[in-house]
């Protein structure tokens, strides 16, 4: 089995990762939303549109 972050062989202690570093990188991706799945709900789509309009109206 290979580490999903760097591709190296996994280590039992950190499985499915090869090291604590790769496990921490994966955790950081979860915490900052990199692994978020986009929603297709209507309410969410409307919220995205209204946020985009608000950002365009703000002066830089």
PDB file of N, CA and C in Angstrom:
ATOM      1  N   UNK A   1       0.843  -1.170   0.000  1.00  0.00           N
ATOM      2  CA  UNK A   1       0.000   0.000   0.000  1.00  0.00           C
ATOM      3  C   UNK A   1       0.895   1.242   0.000  1.00  0.00           C
ATOM      4  N   UNK A   2       0.520   2.250  -0.783  1.00  0.00           N
ATOM      5  CA  UNK A   2       1.299   3.477  -0.875  1.00  0.00           C
ATOM      6  C   UNK A   2       0.607   4.632  -0.152  1.00  0.00           C
ATOM      7  N   UNK A   3       1.398   5.544   0.354  1.00  0.00           N
ATOM      8  CA  UNK A   3       0.914   6.741   1.029  1.00  0.00           C
ATOM      9  C   UNK A   3       0.125   7.593   0.027  1.00  0.00           C
ATOM     10  N   UNK A   4      -1.080   8.031   0.376  1.00  0.00           N
ATOM     11  CA  UNK A   4      -1.866   8.840  -0.550  1.00  0.00           C
ATOM     12  C   UNK A   4      -1.313  10.256  -0.746  1.00  0.00           C
ATOM     13  N   UNK A   5      -0.415  10.694   0.111  1.00  0.00           N
ATOM     14  CA  UNK A   5       0.154  12.041   0.006  1.00  0.00           C
ATOM     15  C   UNK A   5       1.401  12.044  -0.870  1.00  0.00           C
ATOM     16  N   UNK A   6       2.367  11.160  -0.580  1.00  0.00           N
ATOM     17  CA  UNK A   6       3.641  11.215  -1.305  1.00  0.00           C
ATOM     18  C   UNK A   6       3.926   9.980  -2.159  1.00  0.00           C
ATOM     19  N   UNK A   7       3.176   8.901  -1.966  1.00  0.00           N
ATOM     20  CA  UNK A   7       3.378   7.703  -2.769  1.00  0.00           C
ATOM     21  C   UNK A   7       4.378   6.707  -2.223  1.00  0.00           C
ATOM     22  N   UNK A   8       5.031   7.014  -1.108  1.00  0.00           N
ATOM     23  CA  UNK A   8       5.994   6.085  -0.496  1.00  0.00           C
ATOM     24  C   UNK A   8       5.251   4.910   0.136  1.00  0.00           C
ATOM     25  N   UNK A   9       5.984   3.858   0.501  1.00  0.00           N
ATOM     26  CA  UNK A   9       5.395   2.718   1.202  1.00  0.00           C
ATOM     27  C   UNK A   9       4.897   3.157   2.573  1.00  0.00           C
ATOM     28  N   UNK A  10       3.779   2.583   3.010  1.00  0.00           N
ATOM     29  CA  UNK A  10       3.211   2.966   4.300  1.00  0.00           C
ATOM     30  C   UNK A  10       3.959   2.315   5.451  1.00  0.00           C
ATOM     31  N   UNK A  11       3.803   2.928   6.613  1.00  0.00           N
ATOM     32  CA  UNK A  11       4.370   2.411   7.850  1.00  0.00           C
ATOM     33  C   UNK A  11       3.188   2.069   8.749  1.00  0.00           C
ATOM     34  N   UNK A  12       3.215   0.907   9.371  1.00  0.00           N
ATOM     35  CA  UNK A  12       2.093   0.439  10.174  1.00  0.00           C
ATOM     36  C   UNK A  12       1.642   1.473  11.192  1.00  0.00           C
ATOM     37  N   UNK A  13       2.569   2.137  11.853  1.00  0.00           N
ATOM     38  CA  UNK A  13       2.237   3.114  12.894  1.00  0.00           C
ATOM     39  C   UNK A  13       1.407   4.273  12.343  1.00  0.00           C
ATOM     40  N   UNK A  14       1.627   4.665  11.098  1.00  0.00           N
ATOM     41  CA  UNK A  14       0.953   5.835  10.521  1.00  0.00           C
ATOM     42  C   UNK A  14      -0.019   5.467   9.402  1.00  0.00           C
ATOM     43  N   UNK A  15      -0.296   4.210   9.239  1.00  0.00           N
ATOM     44  CA  UNK A  15      -1.121   3.734   8.145  1.00  0.00           C
ATOM     45  C   UNK A  15      -2.425   4.491   8.045  1.00  0.00           C
ATOM     46  N   UNK A  16      -2.826   4.953   6.897  1.00  0.00           N
ATOM     47  CA  UNK A  16      -2.391   4.630   5.550  1.00  0.00           C
ATOM     48  C   UNK A  16      -1.278   5.535   5.033  1.00  0.00           C
ATOM     49  N   UNK A  17      -0.616   6.254   5.933  1.00  0.00           N
ATOM     50  CA  UNK A  17       0.456   7.180   5.530  1.00  0.00           C
ATOM     51  C   UNK A  17       1.820   6.576   5.819  1.00  0.00           C
ATOM     52  N   UNK A  18       2.858   7.244   5.302  1.00  0.00           N
ATOM     53  CA  UNK A  18       4.217   6.741   5.506  1.00  0.00           C
ATOM     54  C   UNK A  18       4.878   7.384   6.718  1.00  0.00           C
ATOM     55  N   UNK A  19       4.353   8.522   7.168  1.00  0.00           N
ATOM     56  CA  UNK A  19       4.981   9.240   8.276  1.00  0.00           C
ATOM     57  C   UNK A  19       3.968  10.172   8.939  1.00  0.00           C
ATOM     58  N   UNK A  20       4.365  10.691  10.083  1.00  0.00           N
ATOM     59  CA  UNK A  20       3.527  11.665  10.782  1.00  0.00           C
ATOM     60  C   UNK A  20       3.368  12.921   9.931  1.00  0.00           C
ATOM     61  N   UNK A  21       4.409  13.283   9.200  1.00  0.00           N
ATOM     62  CA  UNK A  21       4.361  14.471   8.346  1.00  0.00           C
ATOM     63  C   UNK A  21       3.232  14.354   7.326  1.00  0.00           C
ATOM     64  N   UNK A  22       3.151  13.229   6.628  1.00  0.00           N
ATOM     65  CA  UNK A  22       2.102  13.048   5.628  1.00  0.00           C
ATOM     66  C   UNK A  22       0.717  12.973   6.282  1.00  0.00           C
ATOM     67  N   UNK A  23       0.634  12.361   7.460  1.00  0.00           N
ATOM     68  CA  UNK A  23      -0.633  12.326   8.186  1.00  0.00           C
ATOM     69  C   UNK A  23      -1.062  13.736   8.563  1.00  0.00           C
ATOM     70  N   UNK A  24      -0.121  14.576   8.980  1.00  0.00           N
ATOM     71  CA  UNK A  24      -0.431  15.963   9.337  1.00  0.00           C
ATOM     72  C   UNK A  24      -0.838  16.784   8.116  1.00  0.00           C
ATOM     73  N   UNK A  25      -0.202  16.536   6.977  1.00  0.00           N
ATOM     74  CA  UNK A  25      -0.576  17.230   5.741  1.00  0.00           C
ATOM     75  C   UNK A  25      -2.023  16.891   5.388  1.00  0.00           C
ATOM     76  N   UNK A  26      -2.378  15.609   5.504  1.00  0.00           N
ATOM     77  CA  UNK A  26      -3.744  15.182   5.206  1.00  0.00           C
ATOM     78  C   UNK A  26      -4.734  15.827   6.170  1.00  0.00           C
ATOM     79  N   UNK A  27      -4.407  15.863   7.450  1.00  0.00           N
ATOM     80  CA  UNK A  27      -5.272  16.496   8.447  1.00  0.00           C
ATOM     81  C   UNK A  27      -5.465  17.976   8.133  1.00  0.00           C
ATOM     82  N   UNK A  28      -4.405  18.659   7.748  1.00  0.00           N
ATOM     83  CA  UNK A  28      -4.502  20.082   7.403  1.00  0.00           C
ATOM     84  C   UNK A  28      -5.431  20.293   6.211  1.00  0.00           C
ATOM     85  N   UNK A  29      -5.391  19.382   5.245  1.00  0.00           N
ATOM     86  CA  UNK A  29      -6.293  19.493   4.091  1.00  0.00           C
ATOM     87  C   UNK A  29      -7.747  19.360   4.519  1.00  0.00           C
ATOM     88  N   UNK A  30      -8.009  18.465   5.470  1.00  0.00           N
ATOM     89  CA  UNK A  30      -9.376  18.327   5.984  1.00  0.00           C
ATOM     90  C   UNK A  30      -9.796  19.586   6.725  1.00  0.00           C
ATOM     91  N   UNK A  31      -8.899  20.118   7.547  1.00  0.00           N
ATOM     92  CA  UNK A  31      -9.250  21.268   8.380  1.00  0.00           C
ATOM     93  C   UNK A  31      -9.431  22.562   7.588  1.00  0.00           C
ATOM     94  N   UNK A  32      -8.691  22.735   6.492  1.00  0.00           N
ATOM     95  CA  UNK A  32      -8.839  23.981   5.727  1.00  0.00           C
ATOM     96  C   UNK A  32      -9.863  23.875   4.606  1.00  0.00           C
ATOM     97  N   UNK A  33     -10.508  22.714   4.471  1.00  0.00           N
ATOM     98  CA  UNK A  33     -11.582  22.562   3.504  1.00  0.00           C
ATOM     99  C   UNK A  33     -11.161  22.110   2.125  1.00  0.00           C
ATOM    100  N   UNK A  34      -9.921  21.695   1.952  1.00  0.00           N
ATOM    101  CA  UNK A  34      -9.465  21.234   0.641  1.00  0.00           C
ATOM    102  C   UNK A  34     -10.212  19.994   0.169  1.00  0.00           C
ATOM    103  N   UNK A  35     -10.701  19.188   1.099  1.00  0.00           N
ATOM    104  CA  UNK A  35     -11.424  17.970   0.741  1.00  0.00           C
ATOM    105  C   UNK A  35     -12.935  18.173   0.728  1.00  0.00           C
ATOM    106  N   UNK A  36     -13.397  19.394   0.788  1.00  0.00           N
ATOM    107  CA  UNK A  36     -14.829  19.657   0.814  1.00  0.00           C
ATOM    108  C   UNK A  36     -15.485  19.234  -0.493  1.00  0.00           C
ATOM    109  N   UNK A  37     -16.663  18.680  -0.388  1.00  0.00           N
ATOM    110  CA  UNK A  37     -17.433  18.278  -1.552  1.00  0.00           C
ATOM    111  C   UNK A  37     -18.424  19.394  -1.860  1.00  0.00           C
ATOM    112  N   UNK A  38     -18.423  19.923  -3.085  1.00  0.00           N
ATOM    113  CA  UNK A  38     -19.341  21.012  -3.403  1.00  0.00           C
ATOM    114  C   UNK A  38     -20.795  20.552  -3.323  1.00  0.00           C
ATOM    115  N   UNK A  39     -21.637  21.412  -2.814  1.00  0.00           N
ATOM    116  CA  UNK A  39     -23.050  21.102  -2.670  1.00  0.00           C
ATOM    117  C   UNK A  39     -23.802  21.488  -3.930  1.00  0.00           C
ATOM    118  N   UNK A  40     -24.840  20.742  -4.248  1.00  0.00           N
ATOM    119  CA  UNK A  40     -25.694  21.051  -5.384  1.00  0.00           C
ATOM    120  C   UNK A  40     -27.099  21.451  -4.923  1.00  0.00           C
ATOM    121  N   UNK A  41     -27.257  21.714  -3.608  1.00  0.00           N
ATOM    122  CA  UNK A  41     -28.560  22.147  -3.098  1.00  0.00           C
ATOM    123  C   UNK A  41     -28.855  23.557  -3.586  1.00  0.00           C
ATOM    124  N   UNK A  42     -30.113  23.832  -3.871  1.00  0.00           N
ATOM    125  CA  UNK A  42     -30.510  25.136  -4.392  1.00  0.00           C
ATOM    126  C   UNK A  42     -30.144  26.273  -3.454  1.00  0.00           C
ATOM    127  N   UNK A  43     -30.374  26.088  -2.154  1.00  0.00           N
ATOM    128  CA  UNK A  43     -30.065  27.149  -1.188  1.00  0.00           C
ATOM    129  C   UNK A  43     -28.588  27.521  -1.225  1.00  0.00           C
ATOM    130  N   UNK A  44     -27.738  26.505  -1.359  1.00  0.00           N
ATOM    131  CA  UNK A  44     -26.299  26.749  -1.390  1.00  0.00           C
ATOM    132  C   UNK A  44     -25.885  27.467  -2.671  1.00  0.00           C
ATOM    133  N   UNK A  45     -26.501  27.099  -3.790  1.00  0.00           N
ATOM    134  CA  UNK A  45     -26.180  27.751  -5.055  1.00  0.00           C
ATOM    135  C   UNK A  45     -26.582  29.219  -5.015  1.00  0.00           C
ATOM    136  N   UNK A  46     -27.751  29.527  -4.428  1.00  0.00           N
ATOM    137  CA  UNK A  46     -28.202  30.913  -4.308  1.00  0.00           C
ATOM    138  C   UNK A  46     -27.275  31.707  -3.388  1.00  0.00           C
ATOM    139  N   UNK A  47     -26.807  31.083  -2.320  1.00  0.00           N
ATOM    140  CA  UNK A  47     -25.894  31.752  -1.388  1.00  0.00           C
ATOM    141  C   UNK A  47     -24.571  32.078  -2.077  1.00  0.00           C
ATOM    142  N   UNK A  48     -24.079  31.165  -2.907  1.00  0.00           N
ATOM    143  CA  UNK A  48     -22.835  31.411  -3.643  1.00  0.00           C
ATOM    144  C   UNK A  48     -22.984  32.589  -4.591  1.00  0.00           C
ATOM    145  N   UNK A  49     -24.119  32.690  -5.257  1.00  0.00           N
ATOM    146  CA  UNK A  49     -24.350  33.781  -6.203  1.00  0.00           C
ATOM    147  C   UNK A  49     -24.412  35.105  -5.457  1.00  0.00           C
ATOM    148  N   UNK A  50     -25.124  35.153  -4.333  1.00  0.00           N
ATOM    149  CA  UNK A  50     -25.238  36.408  -3.588  1.00  0.00           C
ATOM    150  C   UNK A  50     -23.900  36.817  -2.980  1.00  0.00           C
ATOM    151  N   UNK A  51     -23.081  35.874  -2.563  1.00  0.00           N
ATOM    152  CA  UNK A  51     -21.751  36.200  -2.051  1.00  0.00           C
ATOM    153  C   UNK A  51     -20.872  36.776  -3.153  1.00  0.00           C
ATOM    154  N   UNK A  52     -20.962  36.222  -4.340  1.00  0.00           N
ATOM    155  CA  UNK A  52     -20.176  36.710  -5.471  1.00  0.00           C
ATOM    156  C   UNK A  52     -20.569  38.123  -5.845  1.00  0.00           C
ATOM    157  N   UNK A  53     -21.855  38.436  -5.783  1.00  0.00           N
ATOM    158  CA  UNK A  53     -22.319  39.791  -6.086  1.00  0.00           C
ATOM    159  C   UNK A  53     -21.828  40.780  -5.047  1.00  0.00           C
ATOM    160  N   UNK A  54     -21.824  40.380  -3.782  1.00  0.00           N
ATOM    161  CA  UNK A  54     -21.359  41.237  -2.701  1.00  0.00           C
ATOM    162  C   UNK A  54     -19.875  41.535  -2.864  1.00  0.00           C
ATOM    163  N   UNK A  55     -19.081  40.530  -3.222  1.00  0.00           N
ATOM    164  CA  UNK A  55     -17.644  40.717  -3.385  1.00  0.00           C
ATOM    165  C   UNK A  55     -17.344  41.654  -4.552  1.00  0.00           C
ATOM    166  N   UNK A  56     -18.143  41.623  -5.596  1.00  0.00           N
ATOM    167  CA  UNK A  56     -17.914  42.468  -6.759  1.00  0.00           C
ATOM    168  C   UNK A  56     -18.245  43.928  -6.430  1.00  0.00           C
ATOM    169  N   UNK A  57     -19.126  44.191  -5.492  1.00  0.00           N
ATOM    170  CA  UNK A  57     -19.528  45.536  -5.158  1.00  0.00           C
ATOM    171  C   UNK A  57     -18.559  46.213  -4.201  1.00  0.00           C
ATOM    172  N   UNK A  58     -17.726  45.441  -3.533  1.00  0.00           N
ATOM    173  CA  UNK A  58     -16.780  46.005  -2.564  1.00  0.00           C
ATOM    174  C   UNK A  58     -15.614  46.682  -3.291  1.00  0.00           C
ATOM    175  N   UNK A  59     -15.172  47.854  -2.803  1.00  0.00           N
ATOM    176  CA  UNK A  59     -13.982  48.470  -3.395  1.00  0.00           C
ATOM    177  C   UNK A  59     -12.732  47.690  -2.980  1.00  0.00           C
ATOM    178  N   UNK A  60     -11.762  47.673  -3.815  1.00  0.00           N
ATOM    179  CA  UNK A  60     -10.529  46.916  -3.529  1.00  0.00           C
ATOM    180  C   UNK A  60      -9.564  47.711  -2.743  1.00  0.00           C
TER     181      UNK A  60
END
